[in-house]
C-alpha atoms as a PDB file:
ATOM      1  CA  MET A   1      24.592  33.043  11.105  1.00  0.00           C
ATOM      2  CA  LYS A   2      24.357  31.905  14.133  1.00  0.00           C
ATOM      3  CA  ARG A   3      23.511  28.190  13.470  1.00  0.00           C
ATOM      4  CA  PHE A   4      26.429  28.210  10.497  1.00  0.00           C
ATOM      5  CA  LEU A   5      28.961  29.256  12.661  1.00  0.00           C
ATOM      6  CA  ILE A   6      28.011  26.253  15.159  1.00  0.00           C
ATOM      7  CA  ASP A   7      27.845  24.010  12.331  1.00  0.00           C
ATOM      8  CA  TYR A   8      31.204  24.810  10.356  1.00  0.00           C
ATOM      9  CA  HIS A   9      33.230  26.348  13.226  1.00  0.00           C
ATOM     10  CA  MET A  10      36.027  23.487  12.924  1.00  0.00           C
ATOM     11  CA  HIS A  11      36.116  24.356   8.976  1.00  0.00           C
ATOM     12  CA  ILE A  12      36.585  28.196  10.240  1.00  0.00           C
ATOM     13  CA  PHE A  13      39.141  27.620  11.933  1.00  0.00           C
ATOM     14  CA  GLY A  14      41.092  25.317   9.731  1.00  0.00           C
ATOM     15  CA  ILE A  15      40.908  28.423   7.190  1.00  0.00           C
ATOM     16  CA  VAL A  16      42.161  31.070   9.481  1.00  0.00           C
ATOM     17  CA  ALA A  17      44.766  28.549  10.625  1.00  0.00           C
ATOM     18  CA  PHE A  18      45.784  27.783   7.148  1.00  0.00           C
ATOM     19  CA  GLY A  19      45.545  31.747   5.981  1.00  0.00           C
ATOM     20  CA  PHE A  20      48.129  31.962   9.402  1.00  0.00           C
ATOM     21  CA  THR A  21      50.443  29.905   7.981  1.00  0.00           C
ATOM     22  CA  PHE A  22      50.463  31.015   4.663  1.00  0.00           C
ATOM     23  CA  ILE A  23      50.834  34.865   5.734  1.00  0.00           C
ATOM     24  CA  LEU A  24      53.599  33.549   8.049  1.00  0.00           C
ATOM     25  CA  ALA A  25      55.396  31.709   5.342  1.00  0.00           C
ATOM     26  CA  ILE A  26      55.066  35.119   2.469  1.00  0.00           C
ATOM     27  CA  VAL A  27      56.898  37.084   5.889  1.00  0.00           C
ATOM     28  CA  GLY A  28      59.203  34.672   6.404  1.00  0.00           C
ATOM     29  CA  LEU A  29      60.446  34.129   2.789  1.00  0.00           C
ATOM     30  CA  LEU A  30      60.447  38.249   2.347  1.00  0.00           C
ATOM     31  CA  ASN A  31      62.549  38.296   5.437  1.00  0.00           C
ATOM     32  CA  TYR A  32      65.247  34.899   5.069  1.00  0.00           C
ATOM     33  CA  LYS A  33      67.912  36.937   5.119  1.00  0.00           C
ATOM     34  CA  HIS A  34      67.098  39.087   8.286  1.00  0.00           C
ATOM     35  CA  ASP A  35      65.100  37.470  10.979  1.00  0.00           C
ATOM     36  CA  PHE A  36      63.979  33.607  10.259  1.00  0.00           C
ATOM     37  CA  VAL A  37      64.781  32.799  13.540  1.00  0.00           C
ATOM     38  CA  LYS A  38      62.708  35.260  15.268  1.00  0.00           C
ATOM     39  CA  TYR A  39      59.664  33.591  12.993  1.00  0.00           C
ATOM     40  CA  LEU A  40      60.253  29.769  13.328  1.00  0.00           C
ATOM     41  CA  PRO A  41      59.264  29.329  17.218  1.00  0.00           C
ATOM     42  CA  TYR A  42      55.272  30.650  15.646  1.00  0.00           C
ATOM     43  CA  GLY A  43      56.163  28.280  12.324  1.00  0.00           C
ATOM     44  CA  ILE A  44      56.229  25.598  14.520  1.00  0.00           C
ATOM     45  CA  LEU A  45      52.969  26.168  16.297  1.00  0.00           C
ATOM     46  CA  VAL A  46      50.966  27.003  13.241  1.00  0.00           C
ATOM     47  CA  PHE A  47      51.958  23.401  12.150  1.00  0.00           C
ATOM     48  CA  VAL A  48      51.129  22.032  15.436  1.00  0.00           C
ATOM     49  CA  ILE A  49      47.974  23.786  15.067  1.00  0.00           C
ATOM     50  CA  ASN A  50      47.290  22.314  12.098  1.00  0.00           C
ATOM     51  CA  ILE A  51      48.248  18.920  12.855  1.00  0.00           C
ATOM     52  CA  ILE A  52      45.841  18.968  16.012  1.00  0.00           C
ATOM     53  CA  TYR A  53      43.155  20.145  13.307  1.00  0.00           C
ATOM     54  CA  LEU A  54      43.681  17.667  11.043  1.00  0.00           C
ATOM     55  CA  LYS A  55      43.701  15.196  13.900  1.00  0.00           C
ATOM     56  CA  ILE A  56      40.080  17.065  14.660  1.00  0.00           C
ATOM     57  CA  ILE A  57      39.003  16.540  11.535  1.00  0.00           C
ATOM     58  CA  ILE A  58      39.511  13.203  10.745  1.00  0.00           C
ATOM     59  CA  LEU A  59      37.500  12.332  14.478  1.00  0.00           C
ATOM     60  CA  SER A  60      34.742  14.320  13.499  1.00  0.00           C
ATOM     61  CA  ARG A  61      35.050  12.432  10.227  1.00  0.00           C
ATOM     62  CA  GLN A  62      34.551   9.122  11.858  1.00  0.00           C
ATOM     63  CA  ASP A  63      31.772   9.933  14.483  1.00  0.00           C
ATOM     64  CA  TYR A  64      29.919  11.367  11.933  1.00  0.00           C
ATOM     65  CA  GLU A  65      30.729   7.848   9.701  1.00  0.00           C
ATOM     66  CA  LYS A  66      29.732   6.405  13.176  1.00  0.00           C
ATOM     67  CA  LYS A  67      26.542   8.241  13.230  1.00  0.00           C
ATOM     68  CA  LEU A  68      25.383   8.029   9.936  1.00  0.00           C
ATOM     69  CA  LYS A  69      25.858   4.465  10.122  1.00  0.00           C
ATOM     70  CA  LYS A  70      23.601   3.904  13.107  1.00  0.00           C
ATOM     71  CA  LYS A  71      21.168   6.160  11.572  1.00  0.00           C
ATOM     72  CA  ARG A  72      20.664   4.376   8.449  1.00  0.00           C
ATOM     73  CA  GLU A  73      20.894   0.740  10.180  1.00  0.00           C
ATOM     74  CA  TYR A  74      17.584   2.611  12.178  1.00  0.00           C
ATOM     75  CA  THR A  75      15.883   3.355   9.054  1.00  0.00           C
ATOM     76  CA  GLN A  76      16.521   0.089   7.391  1.00  0.00           C
ATOM     77  CA  ARG A  77      14.970  -1.768  10.744  1.00  0.00           C
ATOM     78  CA  LEU A  78      12.285   0.918  10.214  1.00  0.00           C
ATOM     79  CA  LEU A  79      11.871  -0.417   6.762  1.00  0.00           C
ATOM     80  CA  ARG A  80      11.797  -4.030   7.217  1.00  0.00           C
ATOM     81  CA  PHE A  81       9.065  -3.856   9.897  1.00  0.00           C
ATOM     82  CA  GLN A  82       7.060  -1.695   8.360  1.00  0.00           C
ATOM     83  CA  ASN A  83       7.127  -4.487   5.296  1.00  0.00           C
ATOM     84  CA  LEU A  84       6.539  -7.128   7.751  1.00  0.00           C
ATOM     85  CA  PHE A  85       3.543  -5.369   9.291  1.00  0.00           C
ATOM     86  CA  LEU A  86       2.165  -4.606   5.639  1.00  0.00           C
ATOM     87  CA  ARG A  87       2.807  -8.341   4.548  1.00  0.00           C
ATOM     88  CA  HIS A  88       0.854  -9.416   7.836  1.00  0.00           C
ATOM     89  CA  THR A  89      -1.901  -6.772   7.354  1.00  0.00           C
ATOM     90  CA  ILE A  90      -2.164  -7.585   3.464  1.00  0.00           C
ATOM     91  CA  HIS A  91      -2.718 -11.394   4.734  1.00  0.00           C
ATOM     92  CA  GLU A  92      -4.772 -11.313   7.412  1.00  0.00           C
ATOM     93  CA  THR A  93      -7.180  -9.079   5.149  1.00  0.00           C
ATOM     94  CA  ASN A  94      -7.636 -11.614   2.514  1.00  0.00           C
ATOM     95  CA  THR A  95      -9.681 -13.839   5.323  1.00  0.00           C
ATOM     96  CA  PRO A  96     -12.214 -11.894   6.230  1.00  0.00           C
ATOM     97  CA  LEU A  97     -12.656 -10.559   2.442  1.00  0.00           C
ATOM     98  CA  ALA A  98     -13.022 -14.141   0.958  1.00  0.00           C
ATOM     99  CA  ILE A  99     -15.414 -14.587   3.814  1.00  0.00           C
ATOM    100  CA  ILE A 100     -17.650 -11.134   2.713  1.00  0.00           C
ATOM    101  CA  MET A 101     -17.509 -12.701  -0.719  1.00  0.00           C
ATOM    102  CA  ALA A 102     -18.321 -16.717   0.080  1.00  0.00           C
ATOM    103  CA  ASN A 103     -21.420 -15.454   2.074  1.00  0.00           C
ATOM    104  CA  ILE A 104     -22.512 -13.127  -0.496  1.00  0.00           C
ATOM    105  CA  GLU A 105     -22.490 -15.705  -3.418  1.00  0.00           C
ATOM    106  CA  LEU A 106     -24.271 -18.068  -0.419  1.00  0.00           C
ATOM    107  CA  TYR A 107     -26.625 -14.914   0.047  1.00  0.00           C
ATOM    108  CA  GLU A 108     -27.980 -14.805  -3.143  1.00  0.00           C
ATOM    109  CA  LEU A 109     -28.191 -18.567  -3.952  1.00  0.00           C
ATOM    110  CA  GLU A 110     -30.656 -18.990  -1.653  1.00  0.00           C
ATOM    111  CA  HIS A 111     -32.533 -15.228  -1.269  1.00  0.00           C
ATOM    112  CA  GLY A 112     -31.960 -14.115  -5.507  1.00  0.00           C
ATOM    113  CA  LYS A 113     -30.212 -10.946  -5.896  1.00  0.00           C
ATOM    114  CA  ASN A 114     -30.032  -7.445  -3.419  1.00  0.00           C
ATOM    115  CA  GLU A 115     -29.856  -4.075  -4.169  1.00  0.00           C
ATOM    116  CA  THR A 116     -27.630  -3.637  -1.312  1.00  0.00           C
ATOM    117  CA  LEU A 117     -25.954  -7.215  -1.001  1.00  0.00           C
ATOM    118  CA  SER A 118     -24.998  -5.623  -4.393  1.00  0.00           C
ATOM    119  CA  ASN A 119     -23.420  -2.374  -3.438  1.00  0.00           C
ATOM    120  CA  ILE A 120     -21.538  -4.573  -0.617  1.00  0.00           C
ATOM    121  CA  GLU A 121     -20.085  -6.791  -3.261  1.00  0.00           C
ATOM    122  CA  ALA A 122     -19.308  -4.291  -5.649  1.00  0.00           C
ATOM    123  CA  ALA A 123     -17.218  -2.236  -2.728  1.00  0.00           C
ATOM    124  CA  THR A 124     -15.885  -5.651  -1.465  1.00  0.00           C
ATOM    125  CA  LYS A 125     -14.950  -6.549  -5.250  1.00  0.00           C
ATOM    126  CA  ASN A 126     -12.852  -3.030  -5.438  1.00  0.00           C
ATOM    127  CA  ILE A 127     -11.044  -3.475  -2.128  1.00  0.00           C
ATOM    128  CA  TYR A 128      -9.719  -6.918  -3.910  1.00  0.00           C
ATOM    129  CA  SER A 129      -8.166  -5.219  -5.965  1.00  0.00           C
ATOM    130  CA  ILE A 130      -6.964  -2.886  -4.194  1.00  0.00           C
ATOM    131  CA  TYR A 131      -5.588  -5.908  -1.945  1.00  0.00           C
ATOM    132  CA  ASP A 132      -4.031  -7.914  -4.890  1.00  0.00           C
ATOM    133  CA  ASP A 133      -2.157  -4.958  -5.863  1.00  0.00           C
ATOM    134  CA  LEU A 134      -0.594  -4.284  -2.672  1.00  0.00           C
ATOM    135  CA  SER A 135      -0.113  -8.316  -2.274  1.00  0.00           C
ATOM    136  CA  TYR A 136       1.427  -8.116  -5.636  1.00  0.00           C
ATOM    137  CA  LEU A 137       4.067  -4.976  -4.207  1.00  0.00           C
ATOM    138  CA  THR A 138       4.916  -6.975  -1.385  1.00  0.00           C
ATOM    139  CA  GLN A 139       5.961  -9.835  -2.336  1.00  0.00           C
ATOM    140  CA  LYS A 140       7.460  -9.439  -5.435  1.00  0.00           C
ATOM    141  CA  GLU A 141      11.127  -9.436  -4.660  1.00  0.00           C
ATOM    142  CA  LYS A 142      10.526 -12.590  -3.029  1.00  0.00           C
ATOM    143  CA  ILE A 143       8.255 -14.531  -5.346  1.00  0.00           C
ATOM    144  CA  SER A 144       9.685 -15.737  -8.471  1.00  0.00           C
ATOM    145  CA  TYR A 145       6.873 -15.615 -10.764  1.00  0.00           C
ATOM    146  CA  LEU A 146       6.728 -18.104 -13.229  1.00  0.00           C
ATOM    147  CA  LYS A 147       5.278 -17.696 -17.089  1.00  0.00           C
ATOM    148  CA  GLN A 148       2.417 -19.604 -18.826  1.00  0.00           C
ATOM    149  CA  THR A 149       0.337 -20.120 -21.978  1.00  0.00           C
ATOM    150  CA  ILE A 150      -3.186 -17.806 -21.225  1.00  0.00           C
ATOM    151  CA  CYS A 151      -5.583 -17.509 -23.822  1.00  0.00           C
ATOM    152  CA  LEU A 152      -5.909 -13.699 -23.382  1.00  0.00           C
ATOM    153  CA  VAL A 153      -9.638 -13.382 -24.880  1.00  0.00           C
ATOM    154  CA  GLU A 154     -10.901 -16.193 -22.119  1.00  0.00           C
ATOM    155  CA  PHE A 155      -8.757 -14.312 -19.593  1.00  0.00           C
ATOM    156  CA  ILE A 156     -10.741 -10.851 -20.225  1.00  0.00           C
ATOM    157  CA  LYS A 157     -13.710 -12.029 -20.033  1.00  0.00           C
ATOM    158  CA  ALA A 158     -13.161 -13.480 -16.758  1.00  0.00           C
ATOM    159  CA  ARG A 159     -11.962 -10.460 -15.396  1.00  0.00           C
ATOM    160  CA  LEU A 160     -14.636  -8.567 -16.813  1.00  0.00           C
ATOM    161  CA  ASP A 161     -17.276 -11.035 -15.334  1.00  0.00           C
ATOM    162  CA  PHE A 162     -15.808 -10.630 -11.897  1.00  0.00           C
ATOM    163  CA  PHE A 163     -15.917  -6.244 -12.277  1.00  0.00           C
ATOM    164  CA  SER A 164     -19.151  -6.308 -14.489  1.00  0.00           C
ATOM    165  CA  ILE A 165     -21.014  -5.538 -10.668  1.00  0.00           C
ATOM    166  CA  VAL A 166     -18.899  -2.940 -10.123  1.00  0.00           C
ATOM    167  CA  ALA A 167     -19.070  -1.460 -13.729  1.00  0.00           C
ATOM    168  CA  HIS A 168     -23.021  -1.274 -13.367  1.00  0.00           C
ATOM    169  CA  GLN A 169     -23.103   0.530 -10.010  1.00  0.00           C
ATOM    170  CA  SER A 170     -21.663   3.466 -11.836  1.00  0.00           C
ATOM    171  CA  GLU A 171     -24.241   3.103 -14.284  1.00  0.00           C
ATOM    172  CA  LEU A 172     -21.592   1.811 -16.954  1.00  0.00           C
ATOM    173  CA  SER A 173     -21.204  -1.343 -18.984  1.00  0.00           C
ATOM    174  CA  PHE A 174     -18.705  -3.419 -20.993  1.00  0.00           C
ATOM    175  CA  ASN A 175     -18.836  -3.894 -24.464  1.00  0.00           C
ATOM    176  CA  LEU A 176     -16.437  -6.639 -25.298  1.00  0.00           C
ATOM    177  CA  HIS A 177     -15.369  -6.896 -29.468  1.00  0.00           C
ATOM    178  CA  ASP A 178     -12.922 -10.023 -29.979  1.00  0.00           C
ATOM    179  CA  ASN A 179     -11.490  -9.894 -33.705  1.00  0.00           C
ATOM    180  CA  CYS A 180      -8.963 -12.197 -33.333  1.00  0.00           C
ATOM    181  CA  SER A 181      -8.463 -16.629 -32.965  1.00  0.00           C
ATOM    182  CA  PRO A 182      -7.615 -17.738 -29.740  1.00  0.00           C
ATOM    183  CA  ALA A 183      -4.076 -16.611 -29.850  1.00  0.00           C
ATOM    184  CA  SER A 184      -2.542 -17.446 -26.675  1.00  0.00           C
ATOM    185  CA  ILE A 185       0.521 -15.353 -24.989  1.00  0.00           C
ATOM    186  CA  LEU A 186       3.633 -16.393 -22.397  1.00  0.00           C
ATOM    187  CA  ILE A 187       3.134 -14.315 -18.864  1.00  0.00           C
ATOM    188  CA  ASN A 188       2.505 -15.224 -15.431  1.00  0.00           C
ATOM    189  CA  GLU A 189      -1.399 -15.212 -14.412  1.00  0.00           C
ATOM    190  CA  THR A 190      -0.546 -12.530 -11.441  1.00  0.00           C
ATOM    191  CA  LYS A 191       1.013  -9.928 -13.833  1.00  0.00           C
ATOM    192  CA  LEU A 192      -1.123 -10.025 -16.379  1.00  0.00           C
ATOM    193  CA  GLN A 193      -4.386 -10.163 -13.762  1.00  0.00           C
ATOM    194  CA  ARG A 194      -2.763  -6.935 -12.140  1.00  0.00           C
ATOM    195  CA  ILE A 195      -2.789  -5.574 -15.930  1.00  0.00           C
ATOM    196  CA  VAL A 196      -6.291  -6.059 -16.686  1.00  0.00           C
ATOM    197  CA  ASP A 197      -7.296  -5.426 -13.450  1.00  0.00           C
ATOM    198  CA  ASN A 198      -5.685  -1.743 -13.045  1.00  0.00           C
ATOM    199  CA  ASN A 199      -7.124  -0.454 -16.638  1.00  0.00           C
ATOM    200  CA  ILE A 200     -10.634  -2.037 -16.116  1.00  0.00           C
ATOM    201  CA  THR A 201     -10.807  -0.371 -12.877  1.00  0.00           C
ATOM    202  CA  ASN A 202      -9.198   2.889 -13.988  1.00  0.00           C
ATOM    203  CA  ALA A 203     -11.713   2.939 -17.096  1.00  0.00           C
ATOM    204  CA  ILE A 204     -14.753   2.605 -14.455  1.00  0.00           C
ATOM    205  CA  LYS A 205     -13.384   5.307 -12.033  1.00  0.00           C
ATOM    206  CA  TYR A 206     -12.617   7.893 -14.807  1.00  0.00           C
ATOM    207  CA  THR A 207     -15.400   6.971 -17.562  1.00  0.00           C
ATOM    208  CA  GLN A 208     -18.268   9.218 -17.698  1.00  0.00           C
ATOM    209  CA  GLU A 209     -21.429   7.849 -16.768  1.00  0.00           C
ATOM    210  CA  ILE A 210     -24.234   6.114 -18.871  1.00  0.00           C
ATOM    211  CA  GLU A 211     -21.281   5.023 -20.980  1.00  0.00           C
ATOM    212  CA  GLN A 212     -20.111   2.194 -22.462  1.00  0.00           C
ATOM    213  CA  ILE A 213     -16.190   0.622 -21.751  1.00  0.00           C
ATOM    214  CA  HIS A 214     -15.170  -0.266 -25.150  1.00  0.00           C
ATOM    215  CA  ILE A 215     -12.668  -3.481 -24.808  1.00  0.00           C
ATOM    216  CA  LEU A 216     -10.873  -4.653 -28.055  1.00  0.00           C
ATOM    217  CA  ILE A 217      -9.081  -7.315 -28.634  1.00  0.00           C
ATOM    218  CA  SER A 218      -7.317  -7.830 -31.850  1.00  0.00           C
ATOM    219  CA  GLU A 219      -4.046  -9.476 -33.090  1.00  0.00           C
ATOM    220  CA  GLU A 220      -0.945  -8.378 -35.500  1.00  0.00           C
ATOM    221  CA  GLN A 221       1.214 -11.200 -36.969  1.00  0.00           C
ATOM    222  CA  GLU A 222       3.426 -11.413 -33.487  1.00  0.00           C
ATOM    223  CA  ASN A 223       1.188  -9.488 -31.352  1.00  0.00           C
ATOM    224  CA  VAL A 224      -1.905  -9.974 -29.278  1.00  0.00           C
ATOM    225  CA  ILE A 225      -3.354  -6.622 -28.570  1.00  0.00           C
ATOM    226  CA  PHE A 226      -5.619  -5.251 -25.917  1.00  0.00           C
ATOM    227  CA  GLU A 227      -7.449  -2.666 -25.845  1.00  0.00           C
ATOM    228  CA  ILE A 228      -9.447  -0.450 -23.303  1.00  0.00           C
ATOM    229  CA  SER A 229     -11.454   3.010 -24.373  1.00  0.00           C
ATOM    230  CA  SER A 230     -13.869   5.155 -23.134  1.00  0.00           C
ATOM    231  CA  HIS A 231     -15.396   8.540 -23.042  1.00  0.00           C
ATOM    232  CA  SER A 232     -13.933  10.153 -20.431  1.00  0.00           C
ATOM    233  CA  SER A 233     -12.220  13.185 -19.377  1.00  0.00           C
ATOM    234  CA  ILE A 234      -9.033  14.443 -21.480  1.00  0.00           C
ATOM    235  CA  ILE A 235      -5.590  13.182 -19.757  1.00  0.00           C
ATOM    236  CA  GLN A 236      -3.906  16.847 -19.146  1.00  0.00           C
ATOM    237  CA  GLU A 237      -0.044  15.115 -18.869  1.00  0.00           C
ATOM    238  CA  PRO A 238      -0.355  11.724 -20.383  1.00  0.00           C
ATOM    239  CA  ASN A 239       3.195  11.394 -20.190  1.00  0.00           C
ATOM    240  CA  ARG A 240       3.186  11.214 -15.878  1.00  0.00           C
ATOM    241  CA  VAL A 241      -0.098   9.014 -15.811  1.00  0.00           C
ATOM    242  CA  PHE A 242       2.647   5.791 -15.335  1.00  0.00           C
ATOM    243  CA  GLU A 243       4.504   7.312 -12.376  1.00  0.00           C
ATOM    244  CA  PRO A 244       3.746   6.568  -8.628  1.00  0.00           C
ATOM    245  CA  TYR A 245       1.619   8.577  -6.923  1.00  0.00           C
ATOM    246  CA  TYR A 246       0.326  10.546 -10.285  1.00  0.00           C
ATOM    247  CA  ARG A 247      -3.743  11.025  -9.941  1.00  0.00           C
ATOM    248  CA  GLU A 248      -5.428  13.430 -12.758  1.00  0.00           C
ATOM    249  CA  GLN A 249      -8.155  14.186 -10.161  1.00  0.00           C
ATOM    250  CA  SER A 250      -7.188  14.147  -7.004  1.00  0.00           C
ATOM    251  CA  SER A 251     -10.381  13.709  -6.378  1.00  0.00           C
ATOM    252  CA  LYS A 252     -11.094  10.650  -6.854  1.00  0.00           C
ATOM    253  CA  GLU A 253     -10.081   7.294  -4.742  1.00  0.00           C
ATOM    254  CA  GLY A 254      -7.190   5.459  -5.135  1.00  0.00           C
ATOM    255  CA  LEU A 255      -3.596   5.362  -4.392  1.00  0.00           C
ATOM    256  CA  GLY A 256      -1.986   6.534  -7.590  1.00  0.00           C
ATOM    257  CA  LEU A 257      -0.080   3.063  -8.267  1.00  0.00           C
ATOM    258  CA  GLY A 258      -1.860   1.220 -10.017  1.00  0.00           C
ATOM    259  CA  LEU A 259      -0.321   2.178 -13.536  1.00  0.00           C
ATOM    260  CA  ASN A 260       2.965   2.730 -12.099  1.00  0.00           C
ATOM    261  CA  LEU A 261       2.362  -1.105 -11.696  1.00  0.00           C
ATOM    262  CA  VAL A 262       1.188  -1.818 -14.916  1.00  0.00           C
ATOM    263  CA  LYS A 263       4.179   0.226 -16.520  1.00  0.00           C
ATOM    264  CA  GLU A 264       6.571  -1.427 -14.103  1.00  0.00           C
ATOM    265  CA  ILE A 265       5.125  -4.918 -15.682  1.00  0.00           C
ATOM    266  CA  CYS A 266       4.903  -3.945 -18.996  1.00  0.00           C
ATOM    267  CA  ASP A 267       9.107  -3.101 -18.445  1.00  0.00           C
ATOM    268  CA  GLU A 268       9.267  -6.017 -16.813  1.00  0.00           C
ATOM    269  CA  GLU A 269       7.837  -8.571 -19.696  1.00  0.00           C
ATOM    270  CA  GLY A 270       8.804  -6.626 -22.894  1.00  0.00           C
ATOM    271  CA  ILE A 271       5.005  -5.239 -23.384  1.00  0.00           C
ATOM    272  CA  ASP A 272       4.503  -1.897 -25.643  1.00  0.00           C
ATOM    273  CA  ILE A 273       1.991   0.800 -24.263  1.00  0.00           C
ATOM    274  CA  ILE A 274       0.240   3.318 -26.252  1.00  0.00           C
ATOM    275  CA  LEU A 275      -1.885   6.077 -24.915  1.00  0.00           C
ATOM    276  CA  GLN A 276      -4.019   8.418 -26.613  1.00  0.00           C
ATOM    277  CA  SER A 277      -6.604  10.925 -24.916  1.00  0.00           C
ATOM    278  CA  THR A 278      -8.556  12.900 -26.807  1.00  0.00           C
ATOM    279  CA  LYS A 279     -11.913  14.981 -26.203  1.00  0.00           C
ATOM    280  CA  GLU A 280     -13.944  11.652 -27.275  1.00  0.00           C
ATOM    281  CA  LEU A 281     -11.820   9.104 -26.235  1.00  0.00           C
ATOM    282  CA  THR A 282      -9.230   7.940 -23.865  1.00  0.00           C
ATOM    283  CA  SER A 283      -7.309   4.500 -24.913  1.00  0.00           C
ATOM    284  CA  PHE A 284      -4.655   2.680 -23.418  1.00  0.00           C
ATOM    285  CA  GLN A 285      -3.305  -0.654 -25.766  1.00  0.00           C
ATOM    286  CA  TYR A 286      -1.203  -2.983 -24.418  1.00  0.00           C
ATOM    287  CA  PHE A 287       0.632  -5.643 -27.340  1.00  0.00           C
ATOM    288  CA  PHE A 288       1.429  -9.246 -25.922  1.00  0.00           C
ATOM    289  CA  LYS A 289       3.693 -11.065 -27.507  1.00  0.00           C
ATOM    290  CA  LYS A 290       2.109 -14.125 -28.876  1.00  0.00           C
ATOM    291  CA  ALA A 291       3.262 -17.590 -27.305  1.00  0.00           C
ATOM    292  CA  ASN A 292       5.181 -19.273 -30.011  1.00  0.00           C
ATOM    293  CA  TYR A 293       7.102 -15.838 -30.888  1.00  0.00           C
ATOM    294  CA  ALA A 294       7.722 -14.961 -27.191  1.00  0.00           C
ATOM    295  CA  ASN A 295       9.003 -18.682 -27.132  1.00  0.00           C
ATOM    296  CA  PHE A 296      11.399 -18.143 -30.061  1.00  0.00           C
ATOM    297  CA  THR A 297      12.798 -14.698 -28.644  1.00  0.00           C
ATOM    298  CA  SER A 298      13.074 -15.631 -24.959  1.00  0.00           C
END
């Protein structure tokens, strides 16, 4: 109650003043034939009080707007500094990751495969995937992502090769089915990599142990279809999996941004998504326009 009175004391004063003015006007109307002159000074007084009240309200409003403007500017500065910090941090992260990967490859060339080193390589590739997501998120408003013609089959094969060691560490394997001609799609390579990588890493994360992750690439008249499926826990809320920070299983590592990023890119590029999840299988299908149809419709 005390807080209410402090926050709204001027408004309460205004209501009381208006009420007093209203009552005085009624009394004046009822007695205008008798003592109207007697009530006139009170009317003038209340009128002046109301004018003062309105002036105070205007000044309070201006003061509030100034404070709000300062807070907004301060918040915008914080966001700019945060974005700048993230961009610098992400940029600086790239160099040590590249050095780690280069030294792993060099060691394997000289000494052969090593289980401990393979674990390090798998973890580093997971970090690389997170790095790529964050890099895209911080730069997408500043960079123009030009489209190019890409063979989807060859691209996905390359990404499966990159993540094969990560799958192996989780006792999983990839099973690729290619049921289409080497059809090309028109899309930016960075955007395509975010779609493919996030689906692969999600499949590795949620697929049950000693299972296969099935990748099917097929085609229709206008589309090349990328489908990834595996035996995992049924998705309880399929309508929410593309929301930012949403995770079906909080025990799993991750930021909850991957599929939201995928959905955002798909909306931008006109890529349809079909998600199906049952006790036996969970699958994600992505419908990419063939390059010739994409050129025709764009």
